[in-house]
Protein backbone atom coordinates (compact mmCIF):
# COMPACT_ATOMS: atom_id res chain seq x y z
CA UNK A 1 -11.36 -18.68 8.69
CA UNK A 2 -11.45 -15.11 9.99
CA UNK A 3 -8.75 -12.98 11.50
CA UNK A 4 -7.28 -9.51 11.75
CA UNK A 5 -4.26 -8.11 9.96
CA UNK A 6 -1.46 -7.67 12.50
CA UNK A 7 1.38 -6.63 10.17
CA UNK A 8 1.27 -5.23 6.65
CA UNK A 9 4.10 -4.02 4.42
CA UNK A 10 2.53 -1.75 1.79
CA UNK A 11 5.56 -1.79 -0.49
CA UNK A 12 5.99 -5.56 -0.58
CA UNK A 13 2.24 -6.27 -0.25
CA UNK A 14 2.72 -8.95 2.38
CA UNK A 15 2.00 -9.34 6.04
CA UNK A 16 0.50 -11.45 8.82
CA UNK A 17 -2.99 -12.32 9.95
CA UNK A 18 -3.90 -13.44 13.46
CA UNK A 19 -6.72 -15.94 13.11
CA UNK A 20 -9.57 -16.21 15.60
CA UNK A 21 -8.05 -19.56 16.62
CA UNK A 22 -4.88 -17.76 17.79
CA UNK A 23 -2.64 -18.96 14.96
CA UNK A 24 -0.69 -16.49 12.85
CA UNK A 25 -0.49 -16.96 9.08
CA UNK A 26 1.48 -15.14 6.40
CA UNK A 27 0.02 -13.63 3.24
CA UNK A 28 1.40 -11.98 0.13
CA UNK A 29 0.17 -10.20 -2.99
CA UNK A 30 -0.85 -13.47 -4.65
CA UNK A 31 -3.11 -14.23 -1.66
CA UNK A 32 -5.25 -11.10 -2.07
CA UNK A 33 -8.41 -12.09 -3.89
CA UNK A 34 -10.01 -9.08 -5.54
CA UNK A 35 -8.89 -6.98 -2.62
CA UNK A 36 -7.60 -3.46 -3.17
CA UNK A 37 -4.29 -3.47 -1.30
CA UNK A 38 -4.43 0.33 -0.91
CA UNK A 39 -7.43 -0.11 1.42
CA UNK A 40 -5.82 -2.80 3.57
CA UNK A 41 -4.07 -1.90 6.83
CA UNK A 42 -3.35 -3.25 10.30
CA UNK A 43 -6.51 -3.91 12.29
CA UNK A 44 -8.74 -4.84 9.38
CA UNK A 45 -10.71 -8.09 9.62
CA UNK A 46 -10.38 -10.49 6.72
CA UNK A 47 -11.56 -13.92 5.68
CA UNK A 48 -9.06 -16.41 4.27
CA UNK A 49 -8.26 -20.04 3.68
CA UNK A 50 -5.31 -21.68 5.39
CA UNK A 51 -2.72 -23.51 3.34
CA UNK A 52 0.16 -25.54 4.76
CA UNK A 53 3.39 -24.40 3.14
CA UNK A 54 6.93 -25.68 3.58
CA UNK A 55 7.71 -23.28 6.43
CA UNK A 56 4.32 -22.98 8.12
CA UNK A 57 0.83 -21.71 7.44
CA UNK A 58 0.02 -19.32 4.61
CA UNK A 59 -3.22 -17.54 3.84
CA UNK A 60 -4.87 -17.72 0.46
CA UNK A 61 -8.02 -16.14 -0.97
CA UNK A 62 -7.79 -13.21 1.46
CA UNK A 63 -10.76 -10.82 1.30
CA UNK A 64 -12.48 -8.31 3.57
CA UNK A 65 -15.15 -9.52 5.98
CA UNK A 66 -18.37 -7.69 6.64
CA UNK A 67 -16.70 -5.96 9.61
CA UNK A 68 -13.73 -4.11 8.14
CA UNK A 69 -11.96 -2.56 11.12
CA UNK A 70 -11.26 -4.00 14.55
CA UNK A 71 -13.07 -2.09 17.31
CA UNK A 72 -9.87 -1.93 19.39
């Protein structure tokens, strides 16, 4: 799945991704797969896998896509 980062808390290393299907998923530090969190910010495109958690969808194996920054 692909999506763009819509919220990112640099201190807590967590945030939200809006998938291309329109669903929003949460991610945290454990979800970042080989991704330098200092380079991540709102607007960046990422690839991830969805995982159903107790309180909704969570992202796992989050990594940058070929297109890093949203053109908007």
